[in-house]
Amino acid sequence: MPNFPLIKIQVDKWRRDGIVTYDPYGHLIGSPQRQPAGLYAGRLIIPEREETLQRQWCMQFPFRRGTCIPEDAPVLVVRGNHDFTDLSDWIGGDVWEVNLDPTRTTVVYGLKFGGCRGINYIIGEWSDELKRDQFDDVVKALPVDIDVLITHAPPSRILDFAGENYGSPSLASYVNKRSFSDLDLKAHMFGHVHEAIGTRSHGGTLFSNAATGVQTFDL
């Protein structure tokens, strides 16, 4: 899914009118003359406001109507660092959302799915940023018998490069242990690093970075 749009954001000391406009994919329209201190990529992150705007946007653009996915089709989803509200209410129907408990799993068409939220720490303002030791603890709690892993963050050095490697070393350790052992991991699905979109096989595992794209394959 695209990053949530923030259509008009009031930012102190941002030009004279104080208005910043984003396109439907959350990208800044136009270039500011000067970026105020404390802003990241042209937006001032206020979680409460982000959540309110995102909920309003979800009500205007129902997921299944826009994608033509049947109401009874199962959907599995995980929040990203731009997401400040749960996505299950927006999607509706048969949906399973990765939450803050990494031990949870669900079975769909005979495959066991599990996952965890979180990205490597950036600036402390995005949703679900985790420091290294926090991410380590979350990944350690993941079950070792799931067939498909769903995360927002990629594992380190697997479809995670955008000038540098933005993936999680903890996830890399988990998938490597699973991919090259009898504890077979069929697939790891993630996003986050838009420049590294694609698929790749590593050991016995299919890795998919869908980012803001669409990928279809059989498991």
C-alpha atoms as a PDB file:
ATOM      1  CA  MET A   1       0.000   0.000   0.000  1.00  0.00           C
ATOM      2  CA  PRO A   2       1.179   3.598  -0.508  1.00  0.00           C
ATOM      3  CA  ASN A   3       2.372   5.706   2.366  1.00  0.00           C
ATOM      4  CA  PHE A   4      -0.571   7.465   3.957  1.00  0.00           C
ATOM      5  CA  PRO A   5      -1.069  10.924   2.416  1.00  0.00           C
ATOM      6  CA  LEU A   6      -0.919  14.061   4.527  1.00  0.00           C
ATOM      7  CA  ILE A   7      -2.781  16.500   2.315  1.00  0.00           C
ATOM      8  CA  LYS A   8      -2.268  19.785   4.175  1.00  0.00           C
ATOM      9  CA  ILE A   9      -0.016  20.042   7.195  1.00  0.00           C
ATOM     10  CA  GLN A  10       0.447  23.150   9.288  1.00  0.00           C
ATOM     11  CA  VAL A  11       4.145  23.670   9.974  1.00  0.00           C
ATOM     12  CA  ASP A  12       5.517  26.609  11.935  1.00  0.00           C
ATOM     13  CA  LYS A  13       7.965  28.796  10.025  1.00  0.00           C
ATOM     14  CA  TRP A  14       7.319  26.918   6.766  1.00  0.00           C
ATOM     15  CA  ARG A  15       7.158  29.608   4.109  1.00  0.00           C
ATOM     16  CA  ARG A  16       4.676  32.371   4.748  1.00  0.00           C
ATOM     17  CA  ASP A  17       1.438  30.389   4.375  1.00  0.00           C
ATOM     18  CA  GLY A  18       2.661  27.477   6.509  1.00  0.00           C
ATOM     19  CA  ILE A  19       1.042  24.909   4.206  1.00  0.00           C
ATOM     20  CA  VAL A  20       2.759  21.805   2.879  1.00  0.00           C
ATOM     21  CA  THR A  21       0.983  19.733   0.217  1.00  0.00           C
ATOM     22  CA  TYR A  22       1.496  16.018  -0.442  1.00  0.00           C
ATOM     23  CA  ASP A  23       0.375  13.856  -3.350  1.00  0.00           C
ATOM     24  CA  PRO A  24      -1.780  10.714  -2.748  1.00  0.00           C
ATOM     25  CA  TYR A  25       1.371   8.680  -2.046  1.00  0.00           C
ATOM     26  CA  GLY A  26       2.625  10.987   0.693  1.00  0.00           C
ATOM     27  CA  HIS A  27       5.359  12.619  -1.375  1.00  0.00           C
ATOM     28  CA  LEU A  28       6.030  16.314  -0.914  1.00  0.00           C
ATOM     29  CA  ILE A  29       4.813  18.453  -3.828  1.00  0.00           C
ATOM     30  CA  GLY A  30       7.294  21.206  -4.578  1.00  0.00           C
ATOM     31  CA  SER A  31      10.571  21.982  -2.878  1.00  0.00           C
ATOM     32  CA  PRO A  32      10.774  24.221   0.193  1.00  0.00           C
ATOM     33  CA  GLN A  33      13.222  27.090   0.029  1.00  0.00           C
ATOM     34  CA  ARG A  34      14.670  26.056   3.347  1.00  0.00           C
ATOM     35  CA  GLN A  35      13.909  23.106   5.608  1.00  0.00           C
ATOM     36  CA  PRO A  36      13.155  24.189   9.176  1.00  0.00           C
ATOM     37  CA  ALA A  37      15.127  22.581  11.977  1.00  0.00           C
ATOM     38  CA  GLY A  38      13.498  19.504  13.487  1.00  0.00           C
ATOM     39  CA  LEU A  39      11.666  18.446  10.333  1.00  0.00           C
ATOM     40  CA  TYR A  40      12.319  15.185   8.520  1.00  0.00           C
ATOM     41  CA  ALA A  41      11.690  15.108   4.763  1.00  0.00           C
ATOM     42  CA  GLY A  42       9.412  18.113   4.994  1.00  0.00           C
ATOM     43  CA  ARG A  43       6.956  16.830   7.582  1.00  0.00           C
ATOM     44  CA  LEU A  44       6.590  17.475  11.261  1.00  0.00           C
ATOM     45  CA  ILE A  45       5.621  14.168  12.864  1.00  0.00           C
ATOM     46  CA  ILE A  46       2.884  14.453  15.492  1.00  0.00           C
ATOM     47  CA  PRO A  47       1.532  10.911  16.085  1.00  0.00           C
ATOM     48  CA  GLU A  48      -1.885  12.008  17.344  1.00  0.00           C
ATOM     49  CA  ARG A  49      -2.481  14.189  14.303  1.00  0.00           C
ATOM     50  CA  GLU A  50      -1.152  11.508  11.942  1.00  0.00           C
ATOM     51  CA  GLU A  51      -3.577   8.973  13.411  1.00  0.00           C
ATOM     52  CA  THR A  52      -6.555  11.322  13.030  1.00  0.00           C
ATOM     53  CA  LEU A  53      -5.707  12.165   9.414  1.00  0.00           C
ATOM     54  CA  GLN A  54      -5.145   8.518   8.546  1.00  0.00           C
ATOM     55  CA  ARG A  55      -8.459   7.425  10.048  1.00  0.00           C
ATOM     56  CA  GLN A  56     -10.239  10.124   8.047  1.00  0.00           C
ATOM     57  CA  TRP A  57      -8.478   8.996   4.881  1.00  0.00           C
ATOM     58  CA  CYS A  58      -9.387   5.330   5.501  1.00  0.00           C
ATOM     59  CA  MET A  59     -13.078   6.248   5.778  1.00  0.00           C
ATOM     60  CA  GLN A  60     -12.949   8.009   2.401  1.00  0.00           C
ATOM     61  CA  PHE A  61     -11.104   5.252   0.528  1.00  0.00           C
ATOM     62  CA  PRO A  62     -12.331   1.756   1.561  1.00  0.00           C
ATOM     63  CA  PHE A  63      -9.625  -0.814   0.857  1.00  0.00           C
ATOM     64  CA  ARG A  64     -11.657  -3.623  -0.698  1.00  0.00           C
ATOM     65  CA  ARG A  65     -13.708  -1.298  -2.882  1.00  0.00           C
ATOM     66  CA  GLY A  66     -10.555   0.291  -4.259  1.00  0.00           C
ATOM     67  CA  THR A  67      -8.737  -3.000  -4.853  1.00  0.00           C
ATOM     68  CA  CYS A  68     -11.754  -5.145  -5.838  1.00  0.00           C
ATOM     69  CA  ILE A  69     -10.638  -7.823  -3.359  1.00  0.00           C
ATOM     70  CA  PRO A  70     -13.685  -9.931  -2.345  1.00  0.00           C
ATOM     71  CA  GLU A  71     -15.002  -9.480   1.189  1.00  0.00           C
ATOM     72  CA  ASP A  72     -14.371 -13.148   2.006  1.00  0.00           C
ATOM     73  CA  ALA A  73     -10.769 -13.180   0.707  1.00  0.00           C
ATOM     74  CA  PRO A  74      -8.271 -13.441   3.587  1.00  0.00           C
ATOM     75  CA  VAL A  75      -5.876 -10.505   3.958  1.00  0.00           C
ATOM     76  CA  LEU A  76      -2.794 -10.402   6.192  1.00  0.00           C
ATOM     77  CA  VAL A  77      -1.235  -7.050   6.962  1.00  0.00           C
ATOM     78  CA  VAL A  78       1.524  -5.412   8.996  1.00  0.00           C
ATOM     79  CA  ARG A  79       1.885  -1.721   9.849  1.00  0.00           C
ATOM     80  CA  GLY A  80       4.821   0.319   8.602  1.00  0.00           C
ATOM     81  CA  ASN A  81       6.630   3.330   9.981  1.00  0.00           C
ATOM     82  CA  HIS A  82       4.250   5.715   8.166  1.00  0.00           C
ATOM     83  CA  ASP A  83       1.208   3.991   9.691  1.00  0.00           C
ATOM     84  CA  PHE A  84      -0.107   5.464  12.925  1.00  0.00           C
ATOM     85  CA  THR A  85      -3.408   3.565  13.030  1.00  0.00           C
ATOM     86  CA  ASP A  86      -4.339  -0.114  12.787  1.00  0.00           C
ATOM     87  CA  LEU A  87      -5.090  -1.187   9.227  1.00  0.00           C
ATOM     88  CA  SER A  88      -7.583  -3.983   9.937  1.00  0.00           C
ATOM     89  CA  ASP A  89     -10.561  -1.616  10.334  1.00  0.00           C
ATOM     90  CA  TRP A  90      -9.734  -0.006   6.983  1.00  0.00           C
ATOM     91  CA  ILE A  91      -9.404  -3.347   5.180  1.00  0.00           C
ATOM     92  CA  GLY A  92     -12.449  -5.008   6.732  1.00  0.00           C
ATOM     93  CA  GLY A  93     -13.667  -8.541   6.173  1.00  0.00           C
ATOM     94  CA  ASP A  94     -11.401 -11.516   6.834  1.00  0.00           C
ATOM     95  CA  VAL A  95      -8.203  -9.771   7.936  1.00  0.00           C
ATOM     96  CA  TRP A  96      -5.360 -10.731  10.271  1.00  0.00           C
ATOM     97  CA  GLU A  97      -3.063  -7.942  11.420  1.00  0.00           C
ATOM     98  CA  VAL A  98       0.399  -8.373  12.902  1.00  0.00           C
ATOM     99  CA  ASN A  99       0.298  -6.661  16.282  1.00  0.00           C
ATOM    100  CA  LEU A 100       2.804  -6.049  19.075  1.00  0.00           C
ATOM    101  CA  ASP A 101       2.837  -9.740  20.085  1.00  0.00           C
ATOM    102  CA  PRO A 102       5.387 -11.568  17.865  1.00  0.00           C
ATOM    103  CA  THR A 103       4.297 -14.967  19.204  1.00  0.00           C
ATOM    104  CA  ARG A 104       0.881 -14.783  17.487  1.00  0.00           C
ATOM    105  CA  THR A 105       0.281 -16.899  14.390  1.00  0.00           C
ATOM    106  CA  THR A 106      -2.574 -17.690  12.038  1.00  0.00           C
ATOM    107  CA  VAL A 107      -3.182 -20.486   9.547  1.00  0.00           C
ATOM    108  CA  VAL A 108      -4.398 -19.659   6.028  1.00  0.00           C
ATOM    109  CA  TYR A 109      -4.877 -22.414   3.432  1.00  0.00           C
ATOM    110  CA  GLY A 110      -2.746 -24.777   5.489  1.00  0.00           C
ATOM    111  CA  LEU A 111       0.219 -22.391   5.919  1.00  0.00           C
ATOM    112  CA  LYS A 112       1.173 -20.902   9.268  1.00  0.00           C
ATOM    113  CA  PHE A 113       1.832 -17.146   9.155  1.00  0.00           C
ATOM    114  CA  GLY A 114       3.504 -15.020  11.795  1.00  0.00           C
ATOM    115  CA  GLY A 115       5.380 -11.761  12.031  1.00  0.00           C
ATOM    116  CA  CYS A 116       6.422  -8.690  13.922  1.00  0.00           C
ATOM    117  CA  ARG A 117       6.212  -4.934  13.627  1.00  0.00           C
ATOM    118  CA  GLY A 118       9.137  -2.528  13.800  1.00  0.00           C
ATOM    119  CA  ILE A 119      11.957  -0.875  11.856  1.00  0.00           C
ATOM    120  CA  ASN A 120      15.492   0.068  12.756  1.00  0.00           C
ATOM    121  CA  TYR A 121      15.680   3.333  14.694  1.00  0.00           C
ATOM    122  CA  ILE A 122      15.795   6.454  12.486  1.00  0.00           C
ATOM    123  CA  ILE A 123      14.925   9.655  14.364  1.00  0.00           C
ATOM    124  CA  GLY A 124      12.473   8.544  17.037  1.00  0.00           C
ATOM    125  CA  GLU A 125       9.422  10.144  15.402  1.00  0.00           C
ATOM    126  CA  TRP A 126       8.167   7.418  13.062  1.00  0.00           C
ATOM    127  CA  SER A 127       5.831   4.635  14.111  1.00  0.00           C
ATOM    128  CA  ASP A 128       7.383   1.432  15.493  1.00  0.00           C
ATOM    129  CA  GLU A 129      11.024   2.557  15.509  1.00  0.00           C
ATOM    130  CA  LEU A 130      13.087   0.134  17.594  1.00  0.00           C
ATOM    131  CA  LYS A 131      16.626   0.300  18.862  1.00  0.00           C
ATOM    132  CA  ARG A 132      18.883  -2.688  18.240  1.00  0.00           C
ATOM    133  CA  ASP A 133      18.325  -4.414  21.594  1.00  0.00           C
ATOM    134  CA  GLN A 134      14.555  -3.887  21.348  1.00  0.00           C
ATOM    135  CA  PHE A 135      14.438  -5.388  17.868  1.00  0.00           C
ATOM    136  CA  ASP A 136      16.565  -8.322  19.063  1.00  0.00           C
ATOM    137  CA  ASP A 137      14.055  -9.099  21.827  1.00  0.00           C
ATOM    138  CA  VAL A 138      11.088  -8.958  19.443  1.00  0.00           C
ATOM    139  CA  VAL A 139      12.677 -11.249  16.850  1.00  0.00           C
ATOM    140  CA  LYS A 140      13.786 -13.740  19.516  1.00  0.00           C
ATOM    141  CA  ALA A 141      10.116 -14.229  20.405  1.00  0.00           C
ATOM    142  CA  LEU A 142       9.119 -15.232  16.856  1.00  0.00           C
ATOM    143  CA  PRO A 143       8.015 -18.878  16.605  1.00  0.00           C
ATOM    144  CA  VAL A 144      10.391 -21.168  14.737  1.00  0.00           C
ATOM    145  CA  ASP A 145       7.656 -23.216  13.037  1.00  0.00           C
ATOM    146  CA  ILE A 146       5.904 -20.585  10.923  1.00  0.00           C
ATOM    147  CA  ASP A 147       5.826 -21.110   7.157  1.00  0.00           C
ATOM    148  CA  VAL A 148       5.621 -17.449   6.134  1.00  0.00           C
ATOM    149  CA  LEU A 149       7.111 -14.466   7.967  1.00  0.00           C
ATOM    150  CA  ILE A 150       5.475 -11.028   7.568  1.00  0.00           C
ATOM    151  CA  THR A 151       7.332  -7.889   8.659  1.00  0.00           C
ATOM    152  CA  HIS A 152       7.610  -4.290   7.493  1.00  0.00           C
ATOM    153  CA  ALA A 153      11.391  -4.223   7.822  1.00  0.00           C
ATOM    154  CA  PRO A 154      13.584  -6.350   5.546  1.00  0.00           C
ATOM    155  CA  PRO A 155      16.376  -8.554   6.847  1.00  0.00           C
ATOM    156  CA  SER A 156      19.827  -7.019   6.586  1.00  0.00           C
ATOM    157  CA  ARG A 157      21.418  -7.381   3.116  1.00  0.00           C
ATOM    158  CA  ILE A 158      18.388  -8.952   1.488  1.00  0.00           C
ATOM    159  CA  LEU A 159      16.454  -6.502  -0.726  1.00  0.00           C
ATOM    160  CA  ASP A 160      17.278  -3.690   1.703  1.00  0.00           C
ATOM    161  CA  PHE A 161      19.802  -1.510  -0.158  1.00  0.00           C
ATOM    162  CA  ALA A 162      19.169   2.173  -0.900  1.00  0.00           C
ATOM    163  CA  GLY A 163      22.608   3.741  -0.733  1.00  0.00           C
ATOM    164  CA  GLU A 164      23.202   1.655   2.384  1.00  0.00           C
ATOM    165  CA  ASN A 165      21.674  -1.446   3.937  1.00  0.00           C
ATOM    166  CA  TYR A 166      18.579  -0.560   5.953  1.00  0.00           C
ATOM    167  CA  GLY A 167      17.541  -4.073   6.961  1.00  0.00           C
ATOM    168  CA  SER A 168      17.478  -5.607  10.407  1.00  0.00           C
ATOM    169  CA  PRO A 169      20.418  -7.799  11.486  1.00  0.00           C
ATOM    170  CA  SER A 170      18.087  -9.583  13.907  1.00  0.00           C
ATOM    171  CA  LEU A 171      15.720 -10.572  11.106  1.00  0.00           C
ATOM    172  CA  ALA A 172      18.677 -11.653   8.975  1.00  0.00           C
ATOM    173  CA  SER A 173      19.846 -13.966  11.745  1.00  0.00           C
ATOM    174  CA  TYR A 174      16.345 -15.443  12.116  1.00  0.00           C
ATOM    175  CA  VAL A 175      15.763 -16.096   8.417  1.00  0.00           C
ATOM    176  CA  ASN A 176      19.258 -17.487   7.860  1.00  0.00           C
ATOM    177  CA  LYS A 177      18.765 -20.031  10.635  1.00  0.00           C
ATOM    178  CA  ARG A 178      15.412 -20.993   9.153  1.00  0.00           C
ATOM    179  CA  SER A 179      16.407 -20.964   5.475  1.00  0.00           C
ATOM    180  CA  PHE A 180      19.433 -23.221   5.848  1.00  0.00           C
ATOM    181  CA  SER A 181      18.028 -25.841   8.205  1.00  0.00           C
ATOM    182  CA  ASP A 182      15.256 -28.372   8.579  1.00  0.00           C
ATOM    183  CA  LEU A 183      13.122 -25.557  10.053  1.00  0.00           C
ATOM    184  CA  ASP A 184      11.986 -24.584   6.575  1.00  0.00           C
ATOM    185  CA  LEU A 185      10.782 -21.002   6.068  1.00  0.00           C
ATOM    186  CA  LYS A 186       8.879 -20.845   2.784  1.00  0.00           C
ATOM    187  CA  ALA A 187       8.709 -17.051   2.421  1.00  0.00           C
ATOM    188  CA  HIS A 188       9.500 -13.742   4.089  1.00  0.00           C
ATOM    189  CA  MET A 189       7.329 -10.813   2.967  1.00  0.00           C
ATOM    190  CA  PHE A 190       8.265  -7.216   3.774  1.00  0.00           C
ATOM    191  CA  GLY A 191       8.644  -3.695   2.358  1.00  0.00           C
ATOM    192  CA  HIS A 192      10.062  -0.458   3.809  1.00  0.00           C
ATOM    193  CA  VAL A 193      12.959   0.074   1.368  1.00  0.00           C
ATOM    194  CA  HIS A 194      11.181   1.195  -1.805  1.00  0.00           C
ATOM    195  CA  GLU A 195      14.320   1.248  -3.947  1.00  0.00           C
ATOM    196  CA  ALA A 196      14.912  -2.487  -3.365  1.00  0.00           C
ATOM    197  CA  ILE A 197      11.527  -3.775  -4.535  1.00  0.00           C
ATOM    198  CA  GLY A 198      11.645  -7.282  -5.997  1.00  0.00           C
ATOM    199  CA  THR A 199      11.930 -10.974  -5.129  1.00  0.00           C
ATOM    200  CA  ARG A 200      14.900 -13.160  -4.350  1.00  0.00           C
ATOM    201  CA  SER A 201      15.501 -16.756  -3.309  1.00  0.00           C
ATOM    202  CA  HIS A 202      17.973 -17.372  -0.509  1.00  0.00           C
ATOM    203  CA  GLY A 203      18.479 -20.858   0.826  1.00  0.00           C
ATOM    204  CA  GLY A 204      15.047 -22.463   0.841  1.00  0.00           C
ATOM    205  CA  THR A 205      13.182 -19.177   1.290  1.00  0.00           C
ATOM    206  CA  LEU A 206      11.506 -16.788  -1.147  1.00  0.00           C
ATOM    207  CA  PHE A 207      11.987 -13.150  -0.128  1.00  0.00           C
ATOM    208  CA  SER A 208       9.553 -10.498  -1.353  1.00  0.00           C
ATOM    209  CA  ASN A 209      10.030  -6.739  -0.978  1.00  0.00           C
ATOM    210  CA  ALA A 210       6.727  -5.416  -2.303  1.00  0.00           C
ATOM    211  CA  ALA A 211       7.149  -1.857  -0.903  1.00  0.00           C
ATOM    212  CA  THR A 212       4.544   0.189  -2.853  1.00  0.00           C
ATOM    213  CA  GLY A 213       4.332  -2.384  -5.650  1.00  0.00           C
ATOM    214  CA  VAL A 214       2.337  -5.562  -6.259  1.00  0.00           C
ATOM    215  CA  GLN A 215       3.755  -9.079  -6.493  1.00  0.00           C
ATOM    216  CA  THR A 216       1.949 -12.352  -7.143  1.00  0.00           C
ATOM    217  CA  PHE A 217       3.350 -15.843  -6.654  1.00  0.00           C
ATOM    218  CA  ASP A 218       2.408 -19.301  -5.446  1.00  0.00           C
ATOM    219  CA  LEU A 219       3.601 -20.667  -2.127  1.00  0.00           C
END
